[in-house]
Amino acid sequence: MRRHVILPALLALIVTSLAHAQNWTEGKNYFPVVPAQHTTVAAGKIEVAEIFSYGCPFCAQFNPLMQQLKKSLPLNAQLVFIPASFNPSEDWPMFQRATCTAQTLGIFDKTHDAMFNAVWKTGELAISDPKTHTLKRPLPTIEDAARYYSRISGIAVDTFLAASKSFSVDVAMRRADAVILAYHVDETPSLIVNGKYRITGESAGGVQQMIELAKWLVAKESK
């Protein structure tokens, strides 16, 4: 039964991607990851990973498209999110710790969109002054993030903070840094398909094209 559910979605994905197939060129529109990396999804699943940060304004603009991608992927593909830390001047290490904590506590899916809103819409975790557009000093702390997560998810502040300082979160952060380095990612948002292919907005020709190219690569990996 599961096979019959997957097949129509997969065929639709392949058909809608074929129109772009002749335009996508390896080494130009997407880049091979050498060596290919192990993914974190279950065996038989195709991983689509976004490298992002809540401190990245382009990631905030890209997020609605990621939600569209999540809904359009076939059942044999799974979306994952890997937080980057390579821009400490804009608080990315703190946001990475907050993300890994939320993932460890199982509240990431519930809070992901709200975190972007807190940084770029409501300003509750803003990294810059909306009037001067200069970076805030001090920048938001993990304690500030814990209070926000508590408000939107109901998790206790102390529980969030304890988890944020745990060994498991430290390991998750180190793994994120290592895999981002292995993927040769130096900008956000970037997409990685099945640990094998890297896509950027510039390489794909735009953010909407990133989504279409990712779907085409999922179809390619599904064959």
N, C-alpha and C. Protein backbone atom coordinates (compact mmCIF):
# COMPACT_ATOMS: atom_id res chain seq x y z
N MET A 1 0.84 -1.20 0.00
CA MET A 1 0.00 0.00 0.00
C MET A 1 0.87 1.25 0.00
N ARG A 2 1.91 1.27 0.82
CA ARG A 2 2.79 2.42 0.91
C ARG A 2 3.44 2.70 -0.45
N ARG A 3 3.80 1.64 -1.17
CA ARG A 3 4.43 1.80 -2.47
C ARG A 3 3.49 2.53 -3.43
N HIS A 4 2.20 2.21 -3.38
CA HIS A 4 1.24 2.83 -4.28
C HIS A 4 1.02 4.30 -3.92
N VAL A 5 1.23 4.67 -2.69
CA VAL A 5 1.09 6.06 -2.27
C VAL A 5 2.28 6.88 -2.76
N ILE A 6 3.46 6.29 -2.66
CA ILE A 6 4.67 7.00 -3.04
C ILE A 6 4.75 7.20 -4.54
N LEU A 7 4.37 6.20 -5.33
CA LEU A 7 4.61 6.23 -6.76
C LEU A 7 3.94 7.41 -7.46
N PRO A 8 2.65 7.73 -7.24
CA PRO A 8 2.07 8.87 -7.94
C PRO A 8 2.77 10.19 -7.62
N ALA A 9 3.13 10.38 -6.35
CA ALA A 9 3.81 11.61 -5.97
C ALA A 9 5.18 11.70 -6.63
N LEU A 10 5.86 10.57 -6.69
CA LEU A 10 7.18 10.54 -7.31
C LEU A 10 7.08 10.82 -8.80
N LEU A 11 6.09 10.22 -9.47
CA LEU A 11 5.91 10.46 -10.90
C LEU A 11 5.58 11.91 -11.18
N ALA A 12 4.76 12.51 -10.32
CA ALA A 12 4.41 13.92 -10.49
C ALA A 12 5.64 14.79 -10.34
N LEU A 13 6.48 14.45 -9.37
CA LEU A 13 7.70 15.22 -9.15
C LEU A 13 8.62 15.13 -10.36
N ILE A 14 8.75 13.94 -10.92
CA ILE A 14 9.61 13.76 -12.09
C ILE A 14 9.07 14.54 -13.28
N VAL A 15 7.75 14.46 -13.51
CA VAL A 15 7.15 15.14 -14.65
C VAL A 15 7.32 16.65 -14.54
N THR A 16 7.04 17.22 -13.36
CA THR A 16 7.15 18.67 -13.21
C THR A 16 8.58 19.15 -13.27
N SER A 17 9.53 18.26 -13.02
CA SER A 17 10.93 18.66 -13.07
C SER A 17 11.55 18.48 -14.44
N LEU A 18 10.92 17.69 -15.31
CA LEU A 18 11.53 17.40 -16.61
C LEU A 18 11.71 18.65 -17.46
N ALA A 19 10.80 19.62 -17.30
CA ALA A 19 10.89 20.84 -18.10
C ALA A 19 12.19 21.59 -17.84
N HIS A 20 12.76 21.41 -16.64
CA HIS A 20 13.99 22.10 -16.29
C HIS A 20 15.23 21.25 -16.53
N ALA A 21 15.04 19.96 -16.80
CA ALA A 21 16.17 19.04 -16.79
C ALA A 21 17.27 19.45 -17.76
N GLN A 22 16.89 19.94 -18.94
CA GLN A 22 17.90 20.26 -19.92
C GLN A 22 18.67 21.52 -19.53
N ASN A 23 18.17 22.26 -18.54
CA ASN A 23 18.82 23.50 -18.14
C ASN A 23 19.77 23.33 -16.96
N TRP A 24 19.61 22.25 -16.19
CA TRP A 24 20.43 22.07 -15.01
C TRP A 24 21.75 21.40 -15.38
N THR A 25 22.84 22.05 -15.05
CA THR A 25 24.16 21.55 -15.41
C THR A 25 25.01 21.38 -14.16
N GLU A 26 25.53 20.16 -13.95
CA GLU A 26 26.41 19.91 -12.82
C GLU A 26 27.68 20.74 -12.97
N GLY A 27 28.11 21.36 -11.87
CA GLY A 27 29.28 22.22 -11.91
C GLY A 27 28.95 23.66 -12.20
N LYS A 28 27.71 23.91 -12.63
CA LYS A 28 27.25 25.27 -12.91
C LYS A 28 26.05 25.62 -12.04
N ASN A 29 24.99 24.81 -12.14
CA ASN A 29 23.77 25.07 -11.37
C ASN A 29 23.77 24.35 -10.03
N TYR A 30 24.50 23.25 -9.94
CA TYR A 30 24.66 22.54 -8.67
C TYR A 30 26.03 21.89 -8.68
N PHE A 31 26.52 21.61 -7.48
CA PHE A 31 27.90 21.15 -7.35
C PHE A 31 27.95 19.81 -6.62
N PRO A 32 28.74 18.88 -7.12
CA PRO A 32 28.87 17.60 -6.42
C PRO A 32 29.63 17.78 -5.11
N VAL A 33 29.18 17.10 -4.08
CA VAL A 33 29.89 17.08 -2.79
C VAL A 33 30.88 15.92 -2.85
N VAL A 34 32.15 16.24 -2.74
CA VAL A 34 33.21 15.21 -2.84
C VAL A 34 34.07 15.24 -1.58
N PRO A 35 34.07 14.13 -0.82
CA PRO A 35 33.25 12.93 -1.04
C PRO A 35 31.82 13.15 -0.57
N ALA A 36 30.91 12.35 -1.11
CA ALA A 36 29.52 12.41 -0.65
C ALA A 36 29.46 12.08 0.84
N GLN A 37 28.51 12.70 1.54
CA GLN A 37 28.41 12.55 2.99
C GLN A 37 27.22 11.67 3.38
N HIS A 38 27.37 10.98 4.51
CA HIS A 38 26.26 10.20 5.05
C HIS A 38 25.14 11.15 5.48
N THR A 39 23.92 10.73 5.26
CA THR A 39 22.77 11.54 5.67
C THR A 39 22.26 11.06 7.03
N THR A 40 21.30 11.81 7.57
CA THR A 40 20.78 11.49 8.90
C THR A 40 19.39 10.88 8.86
N VAL A 41 18.85 10.69 7.66
CA VAL A 41 17.49 10.16 7.55
C VAL A 41 17.53 8.63 7.48
N ALA A 42 16.37 8.03 7.57
CA ALA A 42 16.27 6.57 7.57
C ALA A 42 16.72 5.99 6.23
N ALA A 43 17.16 4.76 6.26
CA ALA A 43 17.58 4.07 5.04
C ALA A 43 16.45 4.08 4.02
N GLY A 44 16.79 4.35 2.77
CA GLY A 44 15.79 4.41 1.72
C GLY A 44 15.19 5.78 1.51
N LYS A 45 15.47 6.71 2.44
CA LYS A 45 14.97 8.08 2.32
C LYS A 45 16.02 8.96 1.63
N ILE A 46 15.55 9.96 0.91
CA ILE A 46 16.42 10.97 0.29
C ILE A 46 16.36 12.23 1.15
N GLU A 47 17.52 12.66 1.61
CA GLU A 47 17.58 13.83 2.50
C GLU A 47 17.74 15.11 1.68
N VAL A 48 16.93 16.10 2.01
CA VAL A 48 17.10 17.46 1.48
C VAL A 48 17.37 18.35 2.68
N ALA A 49 18.59 18.87 2.76
CA ALA A 49 19.00 19.65 3.94
C ALA A 49 19.14 21.12 3.58
N GLU A 50 18.60 21.97 4.43
CA GLU A 50 18.84 23.41 4.29
C GLU A 50 19.88 23.83 5.32
N ILE A 51 20.92 24.50 4.86
CA ILE A 51 21.89 25.13 5.75
C ILE A 51 21.40 26.56 5.95
N PHE A 52 21.16 26.94 7.20
CA PHE A 52 20.49 28.21 7.46
C PHE A 52 20.93 28.79 8.79
N SER A 53 20.49 30.02 9.04
CA SER A 53 20.59 30.62 10.37
C SER A 53 19.41 31.57 10.55
N TYR A 54 18.90 31.65 11.77
CA TYR A 54 17.87 32.63 12.05
C TYR A 54 18.41 34.05 11.93
N GLY A 55 19.72 34.20 12.04
CA GLY A 55 20.33 35.51 11.90
C GLY A 55 20.56 35.93 10.46
N CYS A 56 20.19 35.09 9.51
CA CYS A 56 20.39 35.35 8.08
C CYS A 56 19.09 35.90 7.48
N PRO A 57 19.10 37.16 7.00
CA PRO A 57 17.87 37.73 6.43
C PRO A 57 17.40 37.01 5.18
N PHE A 58 18.34 36.47 4.40
CA PHE A 58 17.96 35.76 3.18
C PHE A 58 17.27 34.44 3.51
N CYS A 59 17.68 33.82 4.62
CA CYS A 59 17.02 32.59 5.07
C CYS A 59 15.58 32.88 5.49
N ALA A 60 15.38 34.03 6.12
CA ALA A 60 14.03 34.41 6.53
C ALA A 60 13.14 34.61 5.30
N GLN A 61 13.68 35.22 4.26
CA GLN A 61 12.92 35.42 3.02
C GLN A 61 12.67 34.09 2.30
N PHE A 62 13.61 33.17 2.44
CA PHE A 62 13.54 31.88 1.77
C PHE A 62 12.61 30.90 2.47
N ASN A 63 12.36 31.12 3.75
CA ASN A 63 11.62 30.14 4.56
C ASN A 63 10.24 29.77 4.00
N PRO A 64 9.44 30.72 3.49
CA PRO A 64 8.14 30.31 2.92
C PRO A 64 8.30 29.32 1.76
N LEU A 65 9.36 29.47 0.97
CA LEU A 65 9.60 28.53 -0.12
C LEU A 65 9.98 27.16 0.42
N MET A 66 10.72 27.14 1.54
CA MET A 66 11.06 25.87 2.15
C MET A 66 9.82 25.14 2.64
N GLN A 67 8.86 25.89 3.13
CA GLN A 67 7.61 25.27 3.58
C GLN A 67 6.85 24.69 2.39
N GLN A 68 6.92 25.38 1.25
CA GLN A 68 6.31 24.84 0.03
C GLN A 68 7.01 23.56 -0.40
N LEU A 69 8.35 23.58 -0.33
CA LEU A 69 9.12 22.40 -0.70
C LEU A 69 8.75 21.22 0.19
N LYS A 70 8.62 21.48 1.49
CA LYS A 70 8.29 20.42 2.43
C LYS A 70 6.98 19.74 2.06
N LYS A 71 6.00 20.53 1.61
CA LYS A 71 4.70 19.97 1.26
C LYS A 71 4.73 19.23 -0.07
N SER A 72 5.67 19.59 -0.95
CA SER A 72 5.67 19.02 -2.29
C SER A 72 6.60 17.83 -2.47
N LEU A 73 7.44 17.55 -1.46
CA LEU A 73 8.36 16.42 -1.59
C LEU A 73 7.59 15.10 -1.56
N PRO A 74 8.05 14.10 -2.32
CA PRO A 74 7.41 12.77 -2.25
C PRO A 74 7.73 12.12 -0.90
N LEU A 75 7.04 11.04 -0.59
CA LEU A 75 7.19 10.40 0.71
C LEU A 75 8.55 9.74 0.90
N ASN A 76 9.30 9.55 -0.19
CA ASN A 76 10.63 8.96 -0.04
C ASN A 76 11.71 10.01 0.20
N ALA A 77 11.30 11.28 0.37
CA ALA A 77 12.26 12.36 0.65
C ALA A 77 11.90 13.03 1.97
N GLN A 78 12.92 13.53 2.65
CA GLN A 78 12.70 14.15 3.96
C GLN A 78 13.54 15.41 4.09
N LEU A 79 12.92 16.47 4.58
CA LEU A 79 13.58 17.75 4.77
C LEU A 79 14.21 17.82 6.16
N VAL A 80 15.46 18.28 6.23
CA VAL A 80 16.12 18.49 7.52
C VAL A 80 16.76 19.88 7.50
N PHE A 81 17.03 20.40 8.69
CA PHE A 81 17.58 21.75 8.82
C PHE A 81 18.87 21.69 9.63
N ILE A 82 19.92 22.29 9.07
CA ILE A 82 21.24 22.28 9.71
C ILE A 82 21.66 23.72 9.98
N PRO A 83 21.77 24.12 11.24
CA PRO A 83 22.09 25.52 11.57
C PRO A 83 23.57 25.83 11.42
N ALA A 84 23.87 26.94 10.78
CA ALA A 84 25.25 27.37 10.57
C ALA A 84 25.68 28.32 11.70
N SER A 85 27.00 28.41 11.91
CA SER A 85 27.52 29.28 12.96
C SER A 85 28.64 30.19 12.46
N PHE A 86 28.87 30.22 11.14
CA PHE A 86 30.08 30.85 10.64
C PHE A 86 30.03 32.38 10.54
N ASN A 87 28.99 33.01 11.12
CA ASN A 87 28.92 34.47 11.16
C ASN A 87 28.68 34.93 12.60
N PRO A 88 29.70 34.84 13.45
CA PRO A 88 29.50 35.17 14.87
C PRO A 88 29.14 36.64 15.11
N SER A 89 29.52 37.54 14.22
CA SER A 89 29.22 38.96 14.42
C SER A 89 27.73 39.24 14.42
N GLU A 90 26.94 38.31 13.83
CA GLU A 90 25.49 38.47 13.77
C GLU A 90 24.77 37.39 14.59
N ASP A 91 25.47 36.88 15.61
CA ASP A 91 24.86 36.00 16.61
C ASP A 91 24.53 34.60 16.12
N TRP A 92 25.14 34.17 15.02
CA TRP A 92 24.81 32.85 14.49
C TRP A 92 25.17 31.71 15.44
N PRO A 93 26.28 31.76 16.19
CA PRO A 93 26.55 30.66 17.13
C PRO A 93 25.45 30.50 18.18
N MET A 94 24.89 31.62 18.65
CA MET A 94 23.80 31.53 19.62
C MET A 94 22.57 30.90 18.98
N PHE A 95 22.25 31.33 17.77
CA PHE A 95 21.09 30.76 17.09
C PHE A 95 21.31 29.28 16.75
N GLN A 96 22.54 28.91 16.47
CA GLN A 96 22.84 27.50 16.24
C GLN A 96 22.57 26.69 17.51
N ARG A 97 23.03 27.19 18.65
CA ARG A 97 22.80 26.49 19.91
C ARG A 97 21.30 26.40 20.21
N ALA A 98 20.59 27.48 19.96
CA ALA A 98 19.14 27.48 20.19
C ALA A 98 18.45 26.47 19.28
N THR A 99 18.86 26.41 18.03
CA THR A 99 18.27 25.47 17.08
C THR A 99 18.53 24.03 17.49
N CYS A 100 19.78 23.71 17.81
CA CYS A 100 20.12 22.35 18.23
C CYS A 100 19.38 21.96 19.50
N THR A 101 19.18 22.93 20.39
CA THR A 101 18.44 22.67 21.61
C THR A 101 16.98 22.36 21.30
N ALA A 102 16.39 23.17 20.44
CA ALA A 102 14.99 22.94 20.05
C ALA A 102 14.83 21.59 19.37
N GLN A 103 15.79 21.22 18.53
CA GLN A 103 15.74 19.92 17.87
C GLN A 103 15.87 18.78 18.89
N THR A 104 16.76 18.95 19.85
CA THR A 104 16.95 17.93 20.88
C THR A 104 15.71 17.76 21.74
N LEU A 105 15.02 18.86 22.02
CA LEU A 105 13.83 18.84 22.87
C LEU A 105 12.56 18.49 22.10
N GLY A 106 12.67 18.36 20.77
CA GLY A 106 11.51 17.99 19.97
C GLY A 106 10.52 19.11 19.72
N ILE A 107 10.96 20.36 19.82
CA ILE A 107 10.06 21.49 19.61
C ILE A 107 10.43 22.31 18.38
N PHE A 108 11.37 21.81 17.58
CA PHE A 108 11.86 22.59 16.45
C PHE A 108 10.75 22.88 15.43
N ASP A 109 10.02 21.85 15.00
CA ASP A 109 8.99 22.05 13.98
C ASP A 109 7.94 23.06 14.42
N LYS A 110 7.63 23.04 15.70
CA LYS A 110 6.60 23.93 16.24
C LYS A 110 7.08 25.38 16.31
N THR A 111 8.36 25.59 16.41
CA THR A 111 8.89 26.93 16.69
C THR A 111 9.69 27.55 15.55
N HIS A 112 9.94 26.80 14.49
CA HIS A 112 10.85 27.26 13.43
C HIS A 112 10.41 28.58 12.79
N ASP A 113 9.17 28.64 12.31
CA ASP A 113 8.69 29.87 11.68
C ASP A 113 8.68 31.04 12.66
N ALA A 114 8.27 30.75 13.90
CA ALA A 114 8.18 31.81 14.91
C ALA A 114 9.54 32.42 15.21
N MET A 115 10.60 31.63 15.16
CA MET A 115 11.93 32.17 15.42
C MET A 115 12.34 33.18 14.35
N PHE A 116 12.05 32.90 13.11
CA PHE A 116 12.32 33.88 12.06
C PHE A 116 11.52 35.17 12.32
N ASN A 117 10.27 35.00 12.72
CA ASN A 117 9.45 36.18 13.01
C ASN A 117 10.03 37.00 14.15
N ALA A 118 10.54 36.32 15.17
CA ALA A 118 11.08 37.02 16.34
C ALA A 118 12.31 37.85 15.98
N VAL A 119 13.08 37.38 15.01
CA VAL A 119 14.29 38.11 14.61
C VAL A 119 13.97 39.20 13.61
N TRP A 120 13.09 38.92 12.65
CA TRP A 120 12.94 39.81 11.49
C TRP A 120 11.60 40.51 11.40
N LYS A 121 10.63 40.17 12.24
CA LYS A 121 9.33 40.84 12.18
C LYS A 121 8.98 41.54 13.49
N THR A 122 8.83 40.77 14.55
CA THR A 122 8.44 41.38 15.83
C THR A 122 9.62 42.04 16.54
N GLY A 123 10.83 41.59 16.24
CA GLY A 123 12.02 42.18 16.85
C GLY A 123 12.35 41.67 18.23
N GLU A 124 11.64 40.65 18.70
CA GLU A 124 11.88 40.14 20.05
C GLU A 124 13.27 39.54 20.20
N LEU A 125 13.81 39.02 19.11
CA LEU A 125 15.18 38.50 19.12
C LEU A 125 16.00 39.15 18.00
N ALA A 126 15.69 40.39 17.70
CA ALA A 126 16.36 41.09 16.60
C ALA A 126 17.85 41.24 16.87
N ILE A 127 18.62 41.15 15.79
CA ILE A 127 20.07 41.35 15.92
C ILE A 127 20.49 42.74 15.50
N SER A 128 19.55 43.52 14.93
CA SER A 128 19.88 44.88 14.51
C SER A 128 18.77 45.84 14.91
N ASP A 129 19.14 47.10 15.05
CA ASP A 129 18.18 48.14 15.39
C ASP A 129 17.35 48.48 14.15
N PRO A 130 16.01 48.45 14.23
CA PRO A 130 15.19 48.69 13.03
C PRO A 130 15.31 50.09 12.47
N LYS A 131 15.74 51.04 13.29
CA LYS A 131 15.87 52.43 12.82
C LYS A 131 17.24 52.70 12.22
N THR A 132 18.28 52.30 12.91
CA THR A 132 19.64 52.60 12.45
C THR A 132 20.23 51.47 11.60
N HIS A 133 19.62 50.26 11.71
CA HIS A 133 20.09 49.07 11.00
C HIS A 133 21.50 48.65 11.41
N THR A 134 21.93 49.16 12.56
CA THR A 134 23.23 48.73 13.10
C THR A 134 23.01 47.55 14.03
N LEU A 135 24.03 46.72 14.17
CA LEU A 135 23.92 45.56 15.03
C LEU A 135 23.72 45.97 16.48
N LYS A 136 22.88 45.22 17.18
CA LYS A 136 22.63 45.52 18.59
C LYS A 136 23.82 45.11 19.44
N ARG A 137 24.04 45.85 20.47
CA ARG A 137 25.06 45.53 21.47
C ARG A 137 24.43 45.71 22.84
N PRO A 138 24.26 44.65 23.61
CA PRO A 138 24.64 43.28 23.27
C PRO A 138 23.63 42.62 22.34
N LEU A 139 24.08 41.56 21.68
CA LEU A 139 23.20 40.75 20.85
C LEU A 139 22.35 39.85 21.75
N PRO A 140 21.24 39.31 21.22
CA PRO A 140 20.42 38.39 22.02
C PRO A 140 21.25 37.21 22.54
N THR A 141 20.92 36.79 23.74
CA THR A 141 21.64 35.69 24.38
C THR A 141 20.80 34.42 24.35
N ILE A 142 21.41 33.32 24.74
CA ILE A 142 20.66 32.06 24.81
C ILE A 142 19.58 32.14 25.88
N GLU A 143 19.80 32.98 26.90
CA GLU A 143 18.75 33.20 27.92
C GLU A 143 17.55 33.92 27.30
N ASP A 144 17.82 34.90 26.43
CA ASP A 144 16.73 35.58 25.72
C ASP A 144 15.96 34.59 24.85
N ALA A 145 16.71 33.74 24.15
CA ALA A 145 16.07 32.73 23.30
C ALA A 145 15.24 31.76 24.14
N ALA A 146 15.76 31.37 25.30
CA ALA A 146 15.05 30.42 26.16
C ALA A 146 13.71 31.00 26.61
N ARG A 147 13.70 32.28 26.96
CA ARG A 147 12.44 32.92 27.37
C ARG A 147 11.44 32.96 26.22
N TYR A 148 11.94 33.20 25.01
CA TYR A 148 11.05 33.24 23.85
C TYR A 148 10.51 31.84 23.55
N TYR A 149 11.38 30.84 23.55
CA TYR A 149 10.93 29.46 23.32
C TYR A 149 9.90 29.05 24.37
N SER A 150 10.11 29.48 25.60
CA SER A 150 9.16 29.15 26.66
C SER A 150 7.78 29.72 26.36
N ARG A 151 7.77 30.95 25.86
CA ARG A 151 6.50 31.61 25.57
C ARG A 151 5.76 30.96 24.41
N ILE A 152 6.48 30.52 23.38
CA ILE A 152 5.80 30.01 22.19
C ILE A 152 5.60 28.50 22.21
N SER A 153 6.32 27.79 23.09
CA SER A 153 6.19 26.33 23.10
C SER A 153 5.73 25.78 24.43
N GLY A 154 5.83 26.58 25.49
CA GLY A 154 5.44 26.11 26.81
C GLY A 154 6.54 25.41 27.56
N ILE A 155 7.71 25.25 26.93
CA ILE A 155 8.81 24.59 27.64
C ILE A 155 9.37 25.52 28.70
N ALA A 156 9.72 24.99 29.86
CA ALA A 156 10.24 25.82 30.94
C ALA A 156 11.60 26.41 30.55
N VAL A 157 11.81 27.65 30.97
CA VAL A 157 13.08 28.32 30.66
C VAL A 157 14.25 27.52 31.18
N ASP A 158 14.17 27.04 32.42
CA ASP A 158 15.26 26.28 33.02
C ASP A 158 15.53 24.99 32.25
N THR A 159 14.47 24.35 31.79
CA THR A 159 14.63 23.12 31.01
C THR A 159 15.35 23.40 29.71
N PHE A 160 14.96 24.47 29.04
CA PHE A 160 15.61 24.83 27.77
C PHE A 160 17.08 25.16 28.00
N LEU A 161 17.36 25.95 29.03
CA LEU A 161 18.74 26.35 29.28
C LEU A 161 19.61 25.16 29.66
N ALA A 162 19.07 24.26 30.47
CA ALA A 162 19.83 23.07 30.84
C ALA A 162 20.17 22.24 29.61
N ALA A 163 19.19 22.09 28.74
CA ALA A 163 19.43 21.32 27.51
C ALA A 163 20.44 22.02 26.62
N SER A 164 20.39 23.35 26.58
CA SER A 164 21.30 24.11 25.71
C SER A 164 22.76 23.94 26.11
N LYS A 165 22.98 23.61 27.38
CA LYS A 165 24.35 23.44 27.89
C LYS A 165 24.75 21.96 28.00
N SER A 166 23.91 21.09 27.46
CA SER A 166 24.14 19.66 27.60
C SER A 166 25.18 19.16 26.60
N PHE A 167 25.71 17.99 26.91
CA PHE A 167 26.69 17.35 26.03
C PHE A 167 26.08 17.04 24.67
N SER A 168 24.82 16.60 24.65
CA SER A 168 24.18 16.22 23.38
C SER A 168 24.04 17.41 22.44
N VAL A 169 23.75 18.58 22.99
CA VAL A 169 23.65 19.78 22.16
C VAL A 169 25.03 20.22 21.68
N ASP A 170 26.03 20.12 22.54
CA ASP A 170 27.40 20.44 22.11
C ASP A 170 27.82 19.53 20.96
N VAL A 171 27.49 18.25 21.05
CA VAL A 171 27.82 17.31 19.98
C VAL A 171 27.07 17.67 18.70
N ALA A 172 25.80 18.02 18.82
CA ALA A 172 25.01 18.39 17.65
C ALA A 172 25.58 19.62 16.96
N MET A 173 26.05 20.58 17.73
CA MET A 173 26.65 21.78 17.16
C MET A 173 27.95 21.46 16.43
N ARG A 174 28.77 20.61 17.05
CA ARG A 174 30.03 20.24 16.40
C ARG A 174 29.76 19.46 15.12
N ARG A 175 28.76 18.62 15.16
CA ARG A 175 28.42 17.86 13.95
C ARG A 175 27.94 18.79 12.84
N ALA A 176 27.10 19.77 13.21
CA ALA A 176 26.62 20.73 12.21
C ALA A 176 27.78 21.48 11.57
N ASP A 177 28.71 21.95 12.39
CA ASP A 177 29.88 22.65 11.84
C ASP A 177 30.69 21.75 10.92
N ALA A 178 30.87 20.49 11.33
CA ALA A 178 31.68 19.57 10.54
C ALA A 178 31.02 19.24 9.21
N VAL A 179 29.72 19.01 9.21
CA VAL A 179 29.05 18.63 7.97
C VAL A 179 28.95 19.83 7.02
N ILE A 180 28.78 21.03 7.57
CA ILE A 180 28.75 22.23 6.74
C ILE A 180 30.11 22.42 6.06
N LEU A 181 31.17 22.16 6.80
CA LEU A 181 32.51 22.23 6.22
C LEU A 181 32.69 21.17 5.14
N ALA A 182 32.21 19.96 5.41
CA ALA A 182 32.34 18.88 4.43
C ALA A 182 31.53 19.16 3.17
N TYR A 183 30.43 19.87 3.32
CA TYR A 183 29.60 20.24 2.18
C TYR A 183 30.15 21.45 1.41
N HIS A 184 31.21 22.08 1.94
CA HIS A 184 31.81 23.27 1.33
C HIS A 184 30.80 24.42 1.24
N VAL A 185 29.97 24.54 2.25
CA VAL A 185 28.97 25.61 2.29
C VAL A 185 29.60 26.87 2.86
N ASP A 186 29.48 27.99 2.13
CA ASP A 186 29.99 29.26 2.63
C ASP A 186 28.95 30.38 2.51
N GLU A 187 27.70 30.01 2.24
CA GLU A 187 26.63 31.00 2.19
C GLU A 187 25.32 30.34 2.56
N THR A 188 24.40 31.17 3.02
CA THR A 188 23.07 30.68 3.37
C THR A 188 22.03 31.55 2.68
N PRO A 189 20.89 30.96 2.31
CA PRO A 189 20.59 29.53 2.44
C PRO A 189 21.28 28.71 1.35
N SER A 190 21.66 27.50 1.69
CA SER A 190 22.15 26.51 0.73
C SER A 190 21.36 25.23 0.94
N LEU A 191 21.17 24.48 -0.13
CA LEU A 191 20.49 23.19 -0.05
C LEU A 191 21.45 22.08 -0.42
N ILE A 192 21.36 20.98 0.31
CA ILE A 192 22.15 19.79 0.04
C ILE A 192 21.18 18.64 -0.21
N VAL A 193 21.32 17.98 -1.36
CA VAL A 193 20.42 16.88 -1.70
C VAL A 193 21.16 15.55 -1.56
N ASN A 194 20.66 14.76 -0.61
CA ASN A 194 21.13 13.38 -0.38
C ASN A 194 22.62 13.29 -0.07
N GLY A 195 23.17 14.35 0.52
CA GLY A 195 24.59 14.35 0.86
C GLY A 195 25.51 14.41 -0.34
N LYS A 196 24.94 14.64 -1.55
CA LYS A 196 25.72 14.54 -2.79
C LYS A 196 25.83 15.84 -3.58
N TYR A 197 24.81 16.71 -3.46
CA TYR A 197 24.75 17.88 -4.33
C TYR A 197 24.48 19.15 -3.53
N ARG A 198 25.19 20.22 -3.86
CA ARG A 198 25.01 21.51 -3.18
C ARG A 198 24.39 22.52 -4.15
N ILE A 199 23.39 23.25 -3.67
CA ILE A 199 22.69 24.26 -4.47
C ILE A 199 22.73 25.58 -3.73
N THR A 200 23.01 26.67 -4.45
CA THR A 200 22.90 28.02 -3.89
C THR A 200 21.95 28.82 -4.76
N GLY A 201 21.52 29.97 -4.25
CA GLY A 201 20.65 30.82 -5.03
C GLY A 201 21.32 31.31 -6.31
N GLU A 202 22.59 31.64 -6.20
CA GLU A 202 23.33 32.13 -7.36
C GLU A 202 23.50 31.03 -8.41
N SER A 203 23.85 29.82 -7.97
CA SER A 203 24.08 28.73 -8.92
C SER A 203 22.79 28.32 -9.63
N ALA A 204 21.69 28.32 -8.88
CA ALA A 204 20.41 27.88 -9.45
C ALA A 204 19.76 28.94 -10.31
N GLY A 205 20.15 30.20 -10.09
CA GLY A 205 19.55 31.31 -10.84
C GLY A 205 18.42 32.00 -10.11
N GLY A 206 18.34 31.79 -8.80
CA GLY A 206 17.29 32.42 -7.99
C GLY A 206 16.75 31.48 -6.95
N VAL A 207 16.02 32.02 -5.99
CA VAL A 207 15.55 31.18 -4.89
C VAL A 207 14.44 30.22 -5.32
N GLN A 208 13.55 30.65 -6.21
CA GLN A 208 12.52 29.73 -6.69
C GLN A 208 13.16 28.59 -7.47
N GLN A 209 14.20 28.92 -8.23
CA GLN A 209 14.91 27.90 -8.99
C GLN A 209 15.63 26.91 -8.08
N MET A 210 16.06 27.37 -6.88
CA MET A 210 16.66 26.45 -5.91
C MET A 210 15.68 25.33 -5.57
N ILE A 211 14.42 25.70 -5.38
CA ILE A 211 13.39 24.72 -5.03
C ILE A 211 13.17 23.75 -6.18
N GLU A 212 13.05 24.28 -7.40
CA GLU A 212 12.81 23.41 -8.56
C GLU A 212 13.99 22.48 -8.80
N LEU A 213 15.21 23.00 -8.64
CA LEU A 213 16.40 22.17 -8.84
C LEU A 213 16.49 21.08 -7.77
N ALA A 214 16.15 21.43 -6.53
CA ALA A 214 16.16 20.43 -5.47
C ALA A 214 15.18 19.31 -5.77
N LYS A 215 13.99 19.66 -6.26
CA LYS A 215 13.01 18.63 -6.60
C LYS A 215 13.49 17.77 -7.77
N TRP A 216 14.16 18.39 -8.73
CA TRP A 216 14.69 17.64 -9.86
C TRP A 216 15.76 16.66 -9.40
N LEU A 217 16.63 17.10 -8.47
CA LEU A 217 17.68 16.21 -7.96
C LEU A 217 17.09 15.09 -7.12
N VAL A 218 16.01 15.38 -6.39
CA VAL A 218 15.32 14.30 -5.66
C VAL A 218 14.79 13.27 -6.64
N ALA A 219 14.19 13.73 -7.74
CA ALA A 219 13.69 12.81 -8.76
C ALA A 219 14.85 12.02 -9.38
N LYS A 220 15.96 12.68 -9.60
CA LYS A 220 17.16 12.01 -10.15
C LYS A 220 17.65 10.92 -9.20
N GLU A 221 17.69 11.22 -7.90
CA GLU A 221 18.14 10.25 -6.92
C GLU A 221 17.12 9.13 -6.71
N SER A 222 15.88 9.38 -7.07
CA SER A 222 14.82 8.38 -6.86
C SER A 222 14.78 7.32 -7.94
N LYS A 223 15.42 7.59 -9.07
CA LYS A 223 15.31 6.66 -10.20
C LYS A 223 16.00 5.33 -9.86
